[in-house]
Amino acid sequence: MAVSLLPPSLAMTISTVERDFFIELGARIAALRKARNITQVQLAEKLGISQQTLQSYECGRRRVPVSAMPAVAQHLEVSLDELFDAPRKVAKNAPSKRGPAPKWQQQIEQIATLPRAKQQVVMQMLDGLLAGSTAA
């Protein structure tokens, strides 16, 4: 016979939809972390948790606390919308585009995956070029 050590008020069940959400969220956190060349240990230290806890979040065994999500987004340098992979809102009458994104948009997305220092270099170059084009 199994006995719960938690008071009934703390024992919570999780639905399949919630479980799937936290599995997907954990996978996104892992992908964002890896894209930024951050180890589990490094991110866990920034968040003030153990590496094992972060690993449990990433594989979906544990739920990421709501209170921790802004810090996770901040340390991964993304918005909460990006962390949750929220779909972009499209105006009702906006024509839907098909086909690949324009090259400049693909490049912007690639820049977003670069380490912060390299992103700064790219931004400085763009600032210089854009400042030069307005002066001409």
N, C-alpha and C. Protein backbone atom coordinates (compact mmCIF):
# COMPACT_ATOMS: atom_id res chain seq x y z
N MET A 1 0.83 -1.17 0.00
CA MET A 1 0.00 0.00 0.00
C MET A 1 0.88 1.24 0.00
N ALA A 2 0.65 2.12 -0.97
CA ALA A 2 1.45 3.33 -1.08
C ALA A 2 0.88 4.41 -0.17
N VAL A 3 1.77 5.10 0.51
CA VAL A 3 1.36 6.17 1.41
C VAL A 3 2.01 7.46 0.93
N SER A 4 1.22 8.50 0.80
CA SER A 4 1.75 9.79 0.39
C SER A 4 2.30 10.51 1.61
N LEU A 5 3.51 11.02 1.50
CA LEU A 5 4.10 11.78 2.58
C LEU A 5 3.71 13.25 2.51
N LEU A 6 3.09 13.64 1.40
CA LEU A 6 2.67 15.03 1.22
C LEU A 6 1.25 15.22 1.72
N PRO A 7 0.98 16.37 2.33
CA PRO A 7 -0.42 16.65 2.70
C PRO A 7 -1.27 16.71 1.44
N PRO A 8 -2.57 16.37 1.52
CA PRO A 8 -3.43 16.38 0.33
C PRO A 8 -3.39 17.70 -0.42
N SER A 9 -3.20 18.82 0.28
CA SER A 9 -3.18 20.13 -0.38
C SER A 9 -1.96 20.30 -1.28
N LEU A 10 -0.88 19.55 -1.02
CA LEU A 10 0.33 19.67 -1.84
C LEU A 10 0.41 18.62 -2.93
N ALA A 11 -0.29 17.54 -2.81
CA ALA A 11 -0.28 16.50 -3.82
C ALA A 11 -1.14 16.96 -5.00
N MET A 12 -0.52 17.07 -6.17
CA MET A 12 -1.24 17.56 -7.34
C MET A 12 -1.06 16.59 -8.49
N THR A 13 -2.14 16.38 -9.20
CA THR A 13 -2.04 15.55 -10.39
C THR A 13 -1.80 16.47 -11.58
N ILE A 14 -1.27 15.90 -12.62
CA ILE A 14 -0.96 16.67 -13.82
C ILE A 14 -1.63 15.99 -15.00
N SER A 15 -2.26 16.79 -15.84
CA SER A 15 -2.95 16.22 -17.00
C SER A 15 -1.94 15.88 -18.09
N THR A 16 -2.39 15.12 -19.05
CA THR A 16 -1.54 14.76 -20.19
C THR A 16 -1.12 16.00 -20.96
N VAL A 17 -2.03 16.93 -21.11
CA VAL A 17 -1.72 18.18 -21.83
C VAL A 17 -0.64 18.95 -21.08
N GLU A 18 -0.76 19.05 -19.76
CA GLU A 18 0.25 19.75 -18.97
C GLU A 18 1.59 19.02 -19.05
N ARG A 19 1.55 17.71 -18.96
CA ARG A 19 2.79 16.93 -19.03
C ARG A 19 3.48 17.17 -20.39
N ASP A 20 2.71 17.14 -21.47
CA ASP A 20 3.27 17.38 -22.80
C ASP A 20 3.86 18.78 -22.90
N PHE A 21 3.16 19.78 -22.29
CA PHE A 21 3.66 21.15 -22.30
C PHE A 21 5.04 21.22 -21.63
N PHE A 22 5.18 20.61 -20.46
CA PHE A 22 6.45 20.69 -19.74
C PHE A 22 7.55 19.88 -20.42
N ILE A 23 7.20 18.83 -21.12
CA ILE A 23 8.20 18.09 -21.89
C ILE A 23 8.70 18.96 -23.04
N GLU A 24 7.77 19.62 -23.74
CA GLU A 24 8.16 20.50 -24.85
C GLU A 24 8.93 21.71 -24.35
N LEU A 25 8.51 22.29 -23.23
CA LEU A 25 9.22 23.43 -22.65
C LEU A 25 10.64 23.03 -22.28
N GLY A 26 10.79 21.88 -21.67
CA GLY A 26 12.12 21.40 -21.30
C GLY A 26 13.01 21.20 -22.52
N ALA A 27 12.43 20.66 -23.59
CA ALA A 27 13.20 20.46 -24.83
C ALA A 27 13.62 21.81 -25.41
N ARG A 28 12.73 22.81 -25.33
CA ARG A 28 13.08 24.15 -25.83
C ARG A 28 14.19 24.76 -25.01
N ILE A 29 14.11 24.62 -23.69
CA ILE A 29 15.16 25.14 -22.82
C ILE A 29 16.49 24.49 -23.17
N ALA A 30 16.50 23.18 -23.35
CA ALA A 30 17.73 22.47 -23.70
C ALA A 30 18.27 22.95 -25.05
N ALA A 31 17.39 23.11 -26.03
CA ALA A 31 17.83 23.54 -27.37
C ALA A 31 18.39 24.97 -27.32
N LEU A 32 17.71 25.86 -26.61
CA LEU A 32 18.19 27.24 -26.50
C LEU A 32 19.53 27.29 -25.77
N ARG A 33 19.64 26.50 -24.71
CA ARG A 33 20.89 26.45 -23.94
C ARG A 33 22.04 25.96 -24.80
N LYS A 34 21.80 24.90 -25.55
CA LYS A 34 22.85 24.34 -26.40
C LYS A 34 23.22 25.29 -27.54
N ALA A 35 22.23 25.98 -28.09
CA ALA A 35 22.50 26.93 -29.18
C ALA A 35 23.38 28.08 -28.70
N ARG A 36 23.36 28.35 -27.42
CA ARG A 36 24.16 29.43 -26.85
C ARG A 36 25.44 28.91 -26.21
N ASN A 37 25.72 27.64 -26.41
CA ASN A 37 26.92 27.01 -25.86
C ASN A 37 27.02 27.18 -24.35
N ILE A 38 25.90 26.98 -23.67
CA ILE A 38 25.85 27.04 -22.22
C ILE A 38 25.65 25.61 -21.72
N THR A 39 26.44 25.22 -20.73
CA THR A 39 26.28 23.87 -20.18
C THR A 39 25.14 23.87 -19.16
N GLN A 40 24.68 22.67 -18.84
CA GLN A 40 23.66 22.54 -17.80
C GLN A 40 24.17 23.10 -16.48
N VAL A 41 25.42 22.83 -16.17
CA VAL A 41 26.00 23.30 -14.92
C VAL A 41 26.00 24.83 -14.88
N GLN A 42 26.41 25.47 -15.99
CA GLN A 42 26.47 26.92 -16.03
C GLN A 42 25.08 27.54 -15.85
N LEU A 43 24.08 27.03 -16.57
CA LEU A 43 22.74 27.58 -16.46
C LEU A 43 22.16 27.31 -15.08
N ALA A 44 22.40 26.13 -14.55
CA ALA A 44 21.89 25.80 -13.21
C ALA A 44 22.48 26.75 -12.18
N GLU A 45 23.77 27.05 -12.28
CA GLU A 45 24.38 27.99 -11.34
C GLU A 45 23.75 29.37 -11.44
N LYS A 46 23.49 29.83 -12.67
CA LYS A 46 22.87 31.14 -12.85
C LYS A 46 21.47 31.17 -12.25
N LEU A 47 20.77 30.04 -12.32
CA LEU A 47 19.40 29.96 -11.82
C LEU A 47 19.34 29.63 -10.32
N GLY A 48 20.48 29.26 -9.75
CA GLY A 48 20.51 28.93 -8.33
C GLY A 48 19.89 27.58 -8.02
N ILE A 49 20.01 26.65 -8.97
CA ILE A 49 19.48 25.30 -8.77
C ILE A 49 20.58 24.30 -9.07
N SER A 50 20.34 23.04 -8.77
CA SER A 50 21.34 22.01 -9.07
C SER A 50 21.26 21.61 -10.54
N GLN A 51 22.34 21.05 -11.02
CA GLN A 51 22.37 20.56 -12.41
C GLN A 51 21.34 19.45 -12.58
N GLN A 52 21.14 18.64 -11.57
CA GLN A 52 20.17 17.55 -11.65
C GLN A 52 18.74 18.10 -11.78
N THR A 53 18.46 19.20 -11.09
CA THR A 53 17.13 19.81 -11.20
C THR A 53 16.92 20.33 -12.61
N LEU A 54 17.94 21.02 -13.16
CA LEU A 54 17.82 21.52 -14.53
C LEU A 54 17.64 20.37 -15.51
N GLN A 55 18.37 19.30 -15.31
CA GLN A 55 18.22 18.12 -16.17
C GLN A 55 16.79 17.58 -16.10
N SER A 56 16.21 17.58 -14.91
CA SER A 56 14.83 17.11 -14.74
C SER A 56 13.85 18.03 -15.46
N TYR A 57 14.12 19.34 -15.46
CA TYR A 57 13.28 20.27 -16.21
C TYR A 57 13.38 19.98 -17.71
N GLU A 58 14.62 19.82 -18.18
CA GLU A 58 14.85 19.66 -19.61
C GLU A 58 14.25 18.38 -20.17
N CYS A 59 14.20 17.34 -19.38
CA CYS A 59 13.63 16.08 -19.88
C CYS A 59 12.15 15.95 -19.53
N GLY A 60 11.61 16.94 -18.81
CA GLY A 60 10.18 16.94 -18.51
C GLY A 60 9.78 16.12 -17.30
N ARG A 61 10.74 15.66 -16.51
CA ARG A 61 10.41 14.90 -15.30
C ARG A 61 9.88 15.81 -14.20
N ARG A 62 10.32 17.07 -14.20
CA ARG A 62 9.85 18.04 -13.22
C ARG A 62 9.31 19.26 -13.93
N ARG A 63 8.33 19.89 -13.32
CA ARG A 63 7.76 21.12 -13.87
C ARG A 63 8.64 22.31 -13.51
N VAL A 64 8.86 23.19 -14.48
CA VAL A 64 9.59 24.41 -14.22
C VAL A 64 8.64 25.34 -13.45
N PRO A 65 9.06 25.82 -12.28
CA PRO A 65 8.17 26.72 -11.54
C PRO A 65 7.92 28.01 -12.32
N VAL A 66 6.71 28.49 -12.25
CA VAL A 66 6.35 29.72 -12.95
C VAL A 66 7.28 30.85 -12.52
N SER A 67 7.62 30.91 -11.25
CA SER A 67 8.47 31.98 -10.74
C SER A 67 9.88 31.94 -11.33
N ALA A 68 10.31 30.80 -11.84
CA ALA A 68 11.64 30.67 -12.41
C ALA A 68 11.69 31.01 -13.90
N MET A 69 10.56 31.04 -14.55
CA MET A 69 10.55 31.21 -16.01
C MET A 69 11.14 32.54 -16.49
N PRO A 70 10.87 33.67 -15.82
CA PRO A 70 11.52 34.91 -16.28
C PRO A 70 13.05 34.83 -16.20
N ALA A 71 13.57 34.21 -15.16
CA ALA A 71 15.03 34.07 -15.03
C ALA A 71 15.58 33.14 -16.11
N VAL A 72 14.88 32.06 -16.40
CA VAL A 72 15.31 31.14 -17.46
C VAL A 72 15.37 31.89 -18.78
N ALA A 73 14.31 32.64 -19.09
CA ALA A 73 14.28 33.41 -20.35
C ALA A 73 15.41 34.43 -20.38
N GLN A 74 15.62 35.12 -19.27
CA GLN A 74 16.68 36.13 -19.22
C GLN A 74 18.05 35.52 -19.47
N HIS A 75 18.35 34.42 -18.80
CA HIS A 75 19.68 33.80 -18.94
C HIS A 75 19.87 33.15 -20.31
N LEU A 76 18.78 32.79 -20.98
CA LEU A 76 18.88 32.24 -22.33
C LEU A 76 18.74 33.34 -23.39
N GLU A 77 18.56 34.59 -22.91
CA GLU A 77 18.48 35.76 -23.78
C GLU A 77 17.34 35.67 -24.79
N VAL A 78 16.16 35.27 -24.29
CA VAL A 78 14.96 35.20 -25.11
C VAL A 78 13.81 35.82 -24.33
N SER A 79 12.75 36.16 -25.03
CA SER A 79 11.55 36.65 -24.36
C SER A 79 10.78 35.45 -23.82
N LEU A 80 9.82 35.74 -22.95
CA LEU A 80 8.97 34.64 -22.46
C LEU A 80 8.17 34.03 -23.59
N ASP A 81 7.74 34.86 -24.56
CA ASP A 81 7.03 34.33 -25.72
C ASP A 81 7.90 33.33 -26.47
N GLU A 82 9.17 33.68 -26.66
CA GLU A 82 10.07 32.76 -27.36
C GLU A 82 10.30 31.50 -26.53
N LEU A 83 10.42 31.67 -25.22
CA LEU A 83 10.62 30.51 -24.36
C LEU A 83 9.44 29.56 -24.45
N PHE A 84 8.22 30.12 -24.48
CA PHE A 84 7.03 29.30 -24.59
C PHE A 84 6.73 28.92 -26.03
N ASP A 85 7.50 29.46 -26.97
CA ASP A 85 7.30 29.20 -28.39
C ASP A 85 5.91 29.62 -28.81
N ALA A 86 5.50 30.80 -28.32
CA ALA A 86 4.17 31.31 -28.63
C ALA A 86 4.08 31.65 -30.11
N PRO A 87 3.02 31.23 -30.77
CA PRO A 87 2.87 31.56 -32.18
C PRO A 87 2.69 33.06 -32.36
N ARG A 88 3.24 33.58 -33.44
CA ARG A 88 3.09 35.00 -33.73
C ARG A 88 1.67 35.27 -34.18
N LYS A 89 1.14 36.39 -33.70
CA LYS A 89 -0.21 36.78 -34.08
C LYS A 89 -0.19 37.37 -35.48
N VAL A 90 -1.17 37.01 -36.27
CA VAL A 90 -1.27 37.51 -37.63
C VAL A 90 -2.58 38.28 -37.75
N ALA A 91 -2.54 39.43 -38.39
CA ALA A 91 -3.75 40.23 -38.58
C ALA A 91 -4.77 39.40 -39.36
N LYS A 92 -6.06 39.68 -39.09
CA LYS A 92 -7.13 38.89 -39.71
C LYS A 92 -7.06 38.90 -41.23
N ASN A 93 -6.84 40.05 -41.82
CA ASN A 93 -6.88 40.17 -43.27
C ASN A 93 -5.50 40.10 -43.93
N ALA A 94 -4.48 39.79 -43.14
CA ALA A 94 -3.14 39.73 -43.70
C ALA A 94 -3.02 38.52 -44.61
N PRO A 95 -2.47 38.71 -45.81
CA PRO A 95 -2.30 37.56 -46.70
C PRO A 95 -1.26 36.61 -46.12
N SER A 96 -1.53 35.34 -46.24
CA SER A 96 -0.56 34.37 -45.74
C SER A 96 0.51 34.14 -46.80
N LYS A 97 1.75 34.15 -46.33
CA LYS A 97 2.87 33.95 -47.24
C LYS A 97 3.21 32.47 -47.27
N ARG A 98 3.61 32.03 -48.40
CA ARG A 98 4.06 30.65 -48.53
C ARG A 98 5.48 30.66 -49.04
N GLY A 99 6.16 29.59 -48.76
CA GLY A 99 7.53 29.48 -49.23
C GLY A 99 8.51 29.90 -48.15
N PRO A 100 9.78 29.85 -48.47
CA PRO A 100 10.80 30.16 -47.46
C PRO A 100 10.80 31.64 -47.10
N ALA A 101 11.30 31.91 -45.90
CA ALA A 101 11.43 33.29 -45.45
C ALA A 101 12.49 33.99 -46.31
N PRO A 102 12.39 35.32 -46.44
CA PRO A 102 13.42 36.05 -47.19
C PRO A 102 14.79 35.80 -46.57
N LYS A 103 15.82 35.95 -47.39
CA LYS A 103 17.17 35.65 -46.93
C LYS A 103 17.56 36.49 -45.72
N TRP A 104 17.21 37.79 -45.71
CA TRP A 104 17.58 38.64 -44.58
C TRP A 104 16.93 38.15 -43.29
N GLN A 105 15.71 37.62 -43.39
CA GLN A 105 15.03 37.11 -42.21
C GLN A 105 15.72 35.83 -41.71
N GLN A 106 16.14 35.00 -42.62
CA GLN A 106 16.87 33.78 -42.25
C GLN A 106 18.18 34.15 -41.56
N GLN A 107 18.84 35.20 -42.07
CA GLN A 107 20.10 35.63 -41.48
C GLN A 107 19.88 36.19 -40.07
N ILE A 108 18.80 36.94 -39.88
CA ILE A 108 18.49 37.47 -38.56
C ILE A 108 18.27 36.32 -37.58
N GLU A 109 17.56 35.29 -38.02
CA GLU A 109 17.32 34.13 -37.16
C GLU A 109 18.63 33.41 -36.83
N GLN A 110 19.55 33.36 -37.79
CA GLN A 110 20.85 32.75 -37.52
C GLN A 110 21.66 33.59 -36.53
N ILE A 111 21.58 34.91 -36.69
CA ILE A 111 22.30 35.80 -35.77
C ILE A 111 21.79 35.60 -34.35
N ALA A 112 20.49 35.40 -34.20
CA ALA A 112 19.90 35.21 -32.88
C ALA A 112 20.44 33.97 -32.17
N THR A 113 20.98 33.01 -32.92
CA THR A 113 21.50 31.80 -32.29
C THR A 113 22.99 31.92 -31.94
N LEU A 114 23.63 33.02 -32.37
CA LEU A 114 25.05 33.22 -32.07
C LEU A 114 25.25 33.57 -30.60
N PRO A 115 26.46 33.33 -30.10
CA PRO A 115 26.77 33.78 -28.74
C PRO A 115 26.63 35.31 -28.66
N ARG A 116 26.36 35.80 -27.48
CA ARG A 116 26.09 37.23 -27.26
C ARG A 116 27.21 38.13 -27.80
N ALA A 117 28.46 37.75 -27.61
CA ALA A 117 29.58 38.57 -28.07
C ALA A 117 29.57 38.73 -29.60
N LYS A 118 29.29 37.65 -30.29
CA LYS A 118 29.23 37.72 -31.76
C LYS A 118 28.01 38.52 -32.22
N GLN A 119 26.91 38.43 -31.49
CA GLN A 119 25.73 39.24 -31.81
C GLN A 119 26.08 40.73 -31.71
N GLN A 120 26.85 41.09 -30.68
CA GLN A 120 27.25 42.49 -30.49
C GLN A 120 28.08 42.97 -31.67
N VAL A 121 28.99 42.15 -32.17
CA VAL A 121 29.83 42.52 -33.32
C VAL A 121 28.95 42.78 -34.55
N VAL A 122 28.01 41.89 -34.79
CA VAL A 122 27.12 42.04 -35.94
C VAL A 122 26.29 43.33 -35.80
N MET A 123 25.78 43.58 -34.58
CA MET A 123 24.98 44.80 -34.36
C MET A 123 25.81 46.06 -34.60
N GLN A 124 27.08 46.05 -34.17
CA GLN A 124 27.95 47.22 -34.38
C GLN A 124 28.18 47.44 -35.87
N MET A 125 28.37 46.37 -36.61
CA MET A 125 28.57 46.50 -38.06
C MET A 125 27.31 47.06 -38.71
N LEU A 126 26.15 46.54 -38.33
CA LEU A 126 24.89 47.02 -38.90
C LEU A 126 24.64 48.48 -38.53
N ASP A 127 24.92 48.84 -37.28
CA ASP A 127 24.76 50.23 -36.86
C ASP A 127 25.63 51.15 -37.71
N GLY A 128 26.87 50.74 -37.96
CA GLY A 128 27.77 51.54 -38.78
C GLY A 128 27.26 51.69 -40.21
N LEU A 129 26.80 50.59 -40.78
CA LEU A 129 26.28 50.65 -42.14
C LEU A 129 25.00 51.48 -42.22
N LEU A 130 24.11 51.33 -41.28
CA LEU A 130 22.87 52.08 -41.30
C LEU A 130 23.11 53.57 -41.04
N ALA A 131 24.06 53.90 -40.18
CA ALA A 131 24.37 55.30 -39.92
C ALA A 131 24.97 55.93 -41.17
N GLY A 132 25.78 55.18 -41.90
CA GLY A 132 26.39 55.68 -43.13
C GLY A 132 25.37 55.87 -44.23
N SER A 133 24.32 55.04 -44.27
CA SER A 133 23.33 55.15 -45.34
C SER A 133 22.40 56.33 -45.11
N THR A 134 22.19 56.75 -43.87
CA THR A 134 21.33 57.90 -43.61
C THR A 134 22.07 59.21 -43.83
N ALA A 135 23.40 59.17 -43.72
CA ALA A 135 24.19 60.39 -43.91
C ALA A 135 24.37 60.70 -45.38
N ALA A 136 24.26 59.71 -46.23
CA ALA A 136 24.51 59.90 -47.68
C ALA A 136 23.38 60.57 -48.40
